Amino acid sequence: ENHTVKPFVAPARDLSPHAPLQWLRSGWKDVCQAPALSLAWGLVCTLLLAAVAWGAWSMGRWVLLISVLSGFVFIAPLLAFTLYSVSRQLSNGVKPSLAQTLAAARRPFANSLVFALVLLVIFLLWARAASMVYIFFPADAGSGMGGLVSFLFIGSAVGSVFAWITFAVSAFSLPFIANRDVDVVTAVVSSINAVLRNKWTMMSWALVIVLFTAAGFATGLVGFILIIPWLAYATWHAYRAALDVSGWKTLPQDDTHSRGQT
């Protein structure tokens, strides 16, 4: 009898300090191999972000806008979820199609919703913390430049803590969920374990994400049309490099291509 027991945590590999550059190169290669699908999904995500930003500006002007845009770090992993299927198809030698990509994203949809709830809880905690910062360090017309500086400094410090938690939770978990028959808890714990095992490499990867995100905002959100798919594909390759997920069954890609190399 051959009984296979799944480990609770996917074994993490040691990553090279230069690994993020390789992930970006691999991600860019995927963008070039599926440009139309990548840019189309990037455009959809960017329009969604622009609508949220416009709504925040209309309701609360720049203070609420900054808070909402800071919360982009919580939304971005979910926006990229569908794109992981594109990299997976390319890795399996399959020409990506929109129908196949959406079909692949539907299979782990329940787990992705659970993961979304995890991110929502973190985001709500962050939003509550941001409200407390605004209460104790108001940034209104009467507070002057000192109040604004205090608000931005304290708010950034608090936000960075929640951003790092989100990064550790989502660095590898969503590609894991998109690719393998795994529960959310195992995927999240595996992601955190891999991040903690490769602290310096993952800090440099986090810096890359911050710089790309800053570039997206600096271009009036237009840059996100390219940045979102590029980083999504790079994240997929990061997941493949960081985790040994051979203990979990591969989710079928479609009825004709269900190979499990990745």
Protein backbone atom coordinates (compact mmCIF):
# COMPACT_ATOMS: atom_id res chain seq x y z
CA GLU A 1 0.00 0.00 0.00
CA ASN A 2 1.23 3.44 -0.89
CA HIS A 3 -0.17 6.14 1.36
CA THR A 4 1.10 9.66 0.84
CA VAL A 5 0.80 12.11 3.70
CA LYS A 6 0.85 15.76 2.72
CA PRO A 7 3.20 17.91 4.77
CA PHE A 8 1.63 20.82 6.61
CA VAL A 9 4.18 23.25 5.18
CA ALA A 10 5.69 23.16 1.71
CA PRO A 11 9.48 22.87 2.04
CA ALA A 12 11.20 26.17 1.29
CA ARG A 13 14.34 26.41 -0.80
CA ASP A 14 17.26 28.73 -0.18
CA LEU A 15 17.12 31.59 -2.67
CA SER A 16 20.01 33.50 -4.20
CA PRO A 17 20.26 37.22 -3.38
CA HIS A 18 20.06 37.83 -7.14
CA ALA A 19 16.92 35.72 -7.56
CA PRO A 20 14.53 38.71 -7.89
CA LEU A 21 16.35 39.81 -11.06
CA GLN A 22 15.83 36.35 -12.55
CA TRP A 23 12.15 36.46 -11.61
CA LEU A 24 11.77 39.81 -13.34
CA ARG A 25 13.50 38.49 -16.47
CA SER A 26 11.25 35.43 -16.53
CA GLY A 27 8.19 37.59 -15.93
CA TRP A 28 9.14 39.93 -18.76
CA LYS A 29 9.59 36.94 -21.06
CA ASP A 30 6.01 35.87 -20.24
CA VAL A 31 4.74 39.38 -20.98
CA CYS A 32 6.43 39.25 -24.38
CA GLN A 33 4.97 35.82 -25.12
CA ALA A 34 1.40 36.86 -24.26
CA PRO A 35 1.32 40.66 -24.78
CA ALA A 36 -2.34 41.12 -25.70
CA LEU A 37 -3.73 39.06 -22.82
CA SER A 38 -1.28 40.60 -20.35
CA LEU A 39 -1.98 44.22 -21.27
CA ALA A 40 -5.73 43.63 -21.49
CA TRP A 41 -5.86 42.28 -17.94
CA GLY A 42 -3.48 45.01 -16.80
CA LEU A 43 -5.86 47.60 -18.27
CA VAL A 44 -8.86 46.09 -16.47
CA CYS A 45 -7.01 46.15 -13.14
CA THR A 46 -5.81 49.71 -13.72
CA LEU A 47 -9.31 50.95 -14.54
CA LEU A 48 -10.59 49.31 -11.36
CA LEU A 49 -7.86 51.01 -9.33
CA ALA A 50 -8.61 54.36 -10.99
CA ALA A 51 -12.31 54.03 -10.15
CA VAL A 52 -11.51 53.31 -6.50
CA ALA A 53 -9.08 56.25 -6.37
CA TRP A 54 -11.65 58.60 -7.93
CA GLY A 55 -14.30 57.50 -5.44
CA ALA A 56 -11.92 58.06 -2.53
CA TRP A 57 -11.03 61.53 -3.78
CA SER A 58 -14.69 62.43 -4.21
CA MET A 59 -15.56 61.36 -0.66
CA GLY A 60 -12.54 62.44 1.35
CA ARG A 61 -10.11 64.35 -0.82
CA TRP A 62 -6.41 63.66 -0.46
CA VAL A 63 -6.35 62.14 3.06
CA LEU A 64 -8.75 59.35 2.12
CA LEU A 65 -7.10 59.04 -1.29
CA ILE A 66 -3.70 58.42 0.31
CA SER A 67 -5.22 55.84 2.63
CA VAL A 68 -6.95 54.00 -0.20
CA LEU A 69 -3.90 54.02 -2.45
CA SER A 70 -1.78 52.79 0.44
CA GLY A 71 -4.24 49.92 0.73
CA PHE A 72 -3.37 48.96 -2.85
CA VAL A 73 -0.81 46.54 -1.41
CA PHE A 74 -3.73 44.48 -0.05
CA ILE A 75 -5.61 44.45 -3.34
CA ALA A 76 -2.76 43.83 -5.76
CA PRO A 77 -2.23 40.11 -5.01
CA LEU A 78 -5.88 39.39 -5.80
CA LEU A 79 -5.74 41.42 -9.01
CA ALA A 80 -2.82 39.26 -10.13
CA PHE A 81 -4.49 35.93 -9.28
CA THR A 82 -5.89 35.25 -12.76
CA LEU A 83 -2.55 36.04 -14.40
CA TYR A 84 -0.77 33.18 -12.67
CA SER A 85 -2.59 30.84 -15.04
CA VAL A 86 -0.94 32.59 -18.00
CA SER A 87 2.55 31.85 -16.69
CA ARG A 88 1.50 28.32 -15.88
CA GLN A 89 0.24 27.75 -19.42
CA LEU A 90 3.46 29.15 -20.87
CA SER A 91 5.52 26.94 -18.53
CA ASN A 92 3.59 23.92 -19.84
CA GLY A 93 4.15 24.89 -23.46
CA VAL A 94 0.52 25.93 -23.98
CA LYS A 95 -0.44 29.10 -25.85
CA PRO A 96 -2.47 31.14 -23.32
CA SER A 97 -6.07 32.01 -24.12
CA LEU A 98 -8.52 34.17 -22.21
CA ALA A 99 -11.10 31.38 -21.92
CA GLN A 100 -8.58 28.88 -20.60
CA THR A 101 -7.10 31.45 -18.22
CA LEU A 102 -10.49 32.31 -16.71
CA ALA A 103 -11.42 28.62 -16.49
CA ALA A 104 -8.20 27.86 -14.60
CA ALA A 105 -8.86 30.74 -12.21
CA ARG A 106 -12.37 29.44 -11.44
CA ARG A 107 -11.17 26.08 -10.12
CA PRO A 108 -9.45 27.44 -6.99
CA PHE A 109 -12.02 30.26 -6.71
CA ALA A 110 -13.34 29.12 -3.31
CA ASN A 111 -9.87 29.10 -1.80
CA SER A 112 -9.12 32.48 -3.36
CA LEU A 113 -12.23 33.88 -1.66
CA VAL A 114 -11.02 32.56 1.69
CA PHE A 115 -7.67 34.18 1.05
CA ALA A 116 -9.46 37.40 0.15
CA LEU A 117 -11.15 37.28 3.55
CA VAL A 118 -7.73 36.94 5.19
CA LEU A 119 -6.53 40.02 3.33
CA LEU A 120 -9.77 41.81 4.17
CA VAL A 121 -9.22 41.23 7.89
CA ILE A 122 -5.68 42.58 7.62
CA PHE A 123 -6.93 45.55 5.60
CA LEU A 124 -9.67 46.35 8.11
CA LEU A 125 -7.15 46.26 10.94
CA TRP A 126 -4.89 48.54 8.93
CA ALA A 127 -7.80 50.89 8.18
CA ARG A 128 -8.65 51.06 11.89
CA ALA A 129 -5.02 51.79 12.71
CA ALA A 130 -4.96 54.48 10.00
CA SER A 131 -8.08 56.07 11.53
CA MET A 132 -6.41 56.15 14.93
CA VAL A 133 -3.34 57.79 13.43
CA TYR A 134 -5.55 60.46 11.85
CA ILE A 135 -7.34 61.04 15.18
CA PHE A 136 -4.14 61.49 17.15
CA PHE A 137 -2.17 63.19 14.35
CA PRO A 138 -4.78 65.14 12.33
CA ALA A 139 -3.70 66.38 8.93
CA ASP A 140 -6.21 69.15 8.29
CA ALA A 141 -5.94 72.83 7.49
CA GLY A 142 -5.47 73.79 11.14
CA SER A 143 -2.67 71.36 11.88
CA GLY A 144 -0.06 73.07 9.75
CA MET A 145 2.99 71.52 8.12
CA GLY A 146 4.07 69.86 11.36
CA GLY A 147 0.77 68.00 11.62
CA LEU A 148 1.05 66.86 8.01
CA VAL A 149 4.61 65.59 8.50
CA SER A 150 3.61 63.73 11.69
CA PHE A 151 0.60 62.18 9.96
CA LEU A 152 2.67 60.98 7.00
CA PHE A 153 5.55 59.70 9.13
CA ILE A 154 3.47 57.83 11.72
CA GLY A 155 1.00 56.65 9.11
CA SER A 156 3.79 55.29 6.91
CA ALA A 157 5.38 53.48 9.86
CA VAL A 158 2.09 51.84 10.85
CA GLY A 159 1.23 51.03 7.25
CA SER A 160 4.64 49.44 6.66
CA VAL A 161 3.99 46.93 9.45
CA PHE A 162 0.71 45.81 7.89
CA ALA A 163 2.26 45.87 4.42
CA TRP A 164 5.04 43.53 5.54
CA ILE A 165 2.53 41.15 7.10
CA THR A 166 0.55 41.17 3.87
CA PHE A 167 3.70 40.62 1.84
CA ALA A 168 4.74 37.60 3.91
CA VAL A 169 1.24 36.13 3.75
CA SER A 170 0.77 36.58 -0.01
CA ALA A 171 4.31 36.34 -1.44
CA PHE A 172 3.90 32.71 -2.54
CA SER A 173 0.50 31.61 -1.26
CA LEU A 174 -1.73 32.74 -4.12
CA PRO A 175 0.35 31.08 -6.87
CA PHE A 176 0.37 27.97 -4.67
CA ILE A 177 -3.44 28.09 -4.41
CA ALA A 178 -3.79 28.74 -8.14
CA ASN A 179 -1.62 25.78 -9.07
CA ARG A 180 -2.11 23.04 -6.47
CA ASP A 181 -4.92 21.42 -4.50
CA VAL A 182 -3.95 23.08 -1.22
CA ASP A 183 -5.89 24.72 1.60
CA VAL A 184 -5.42 28.40 2.41
CA VAL A 185 -3.82 27.84 5.82
CA THR A 186 -1.11 25.59 4.39
CA ALA A 187 -0.45 28.02 1.54
CA VAL A 188 -0.20 31.01 3.90
CA VAL A 189 2.05 29.23 6.42
CA SER A 190 4.26 27.98 3.58
CA SER A 191 4.58 31.52 2.22
CA ILE A 192 5.49 32.99 5.60
CA ASN A 193 8.01 30.20 6.21
CA ALA A 194 9.71 30.80 2.84
CA VAL A 195 9.86 34.56 3.43
CA LEU A 196 11.39 34.13 6.89
CA ARG A 197 13.91 31.61 5.57
CA ASN A 198 15.05 34.02 2.84
CA LYS A 199 14.75 37.35 4.66
CA TRP A 200 17.34 39.33 2.69
CA THR A 201 16.30 38.06 -0.71
CA MET A 202 12.66 38.73 0.07
CA MET A 203 13.45 42.19 1.41
CA SER A 204 15.07 43.00 -1.93
CA TRP A 205 12.03 41.54 -3.72
CA ALA A 206 9.73 43.68 -1.57
CA LEU A 207 11.83 46.73 -2.49
CA VAL A 208 11.44 45.88 -6.17
CA ILE A 209 7.66 45.71 -5.73
CA VAL A 210 7.65 49.06 -3.89
CA LEU A 211 9.68 50.71 -6.66
CA PHE A 212 7.43 49.30 -9.38
CA THR A 213 4.35 50.41 -7.45
CA ALA A 214 5.79 53.90 -7.02
CA ALA A 215 6.45 54.02 -10.77
CA GLY A 216 2.84 53.05 -11.41
CA PHE A 217 1.54 55.90 -9.27
CA ALA A 218 4.12 58.32 -10.71
CA THR A 219 2.73 57.68 -14.20
CA GLY A 220 -0.81 58.51 -13.09
CA LEU A 221 -1.69 54.80 -12.81
CA VAL A 222 -1.03 54.23 -16.53
CA GLY A 223 2.14 52.30 -15.78
CA PHE A 224 0.13 49.67 -13.93
CA ILE A 225 -1.19 48.38 -17.25
CA LEU A 226 2.24 46.82 -17.74
CA ILE A 227 3.45 46.59 -14.15
CA ILE A 228 0.60 44.42 -12.83
CA PRO A 229 1.04 41.56 -15.33
CA TRP A 230 4.84 41.82 -15.20
CA LEU A 231 4.95 41.50 -11.41
CA ALA A 232 2.27 38.80 -11.46
CA TYR A 233 4.33 36.63 -13.80
CA ALA A 234 7.51 37.33 -11.81
CA THR A 235 5.67 36.26 -8.66
CA TRP A 236 4.72 32.99 -10.32
CA HIS A 237 8.37 32.27 -11.10
CA ALA A 238 9.32 33.30 -7.56
CA TYR A 239 6.85 30.76 -6.19
CA ARG A 240 8.27 27.99 -8.37
CA ALA A 241 11.78 28.83 -7.19
CA ALA A 242 10.93 29.16 -3.51
CA LEU A 243 8.61 26.23 -2.71
CA ASP A 244 8.75 22.49 -3.25
CA VAL A 245 5.07 21.73 -3.82
CA SER A 246 5.46 18.21 -5.18
CA GLY A 247 3.46 16.85 -2.24
CA TRP A 248 0.24 18.41 -3.52
CA LYS A 249 -1.82 17.43 -6.54
CA THR A 250 -1.68 19.80 -9.49
CA LEU A 251 -4.98 21.42 -10.43
CA PRO A 252 -6.01 20.58 -14.00
CA GLN A 253 -5.41 23.36 -16.47
CA ASP A 254 -8.16 22.27 -18.83
CA ASP A 255 -9.60 19.07 -20.27
CA THR A 256 -6.73 18.52 -22.70
CA HIS A 257 -3.73 19.97 -20.88
CA SER A 258 -3.53 18.72 -17.33
CA ARG A 259 0.18 18.08 -17.06
CA GLY A 260 1.67 18.66 -13.64
CA GLN A 261 5.24 19.84 -14.14
CA THR A 262 4.70 23.10 -12.28
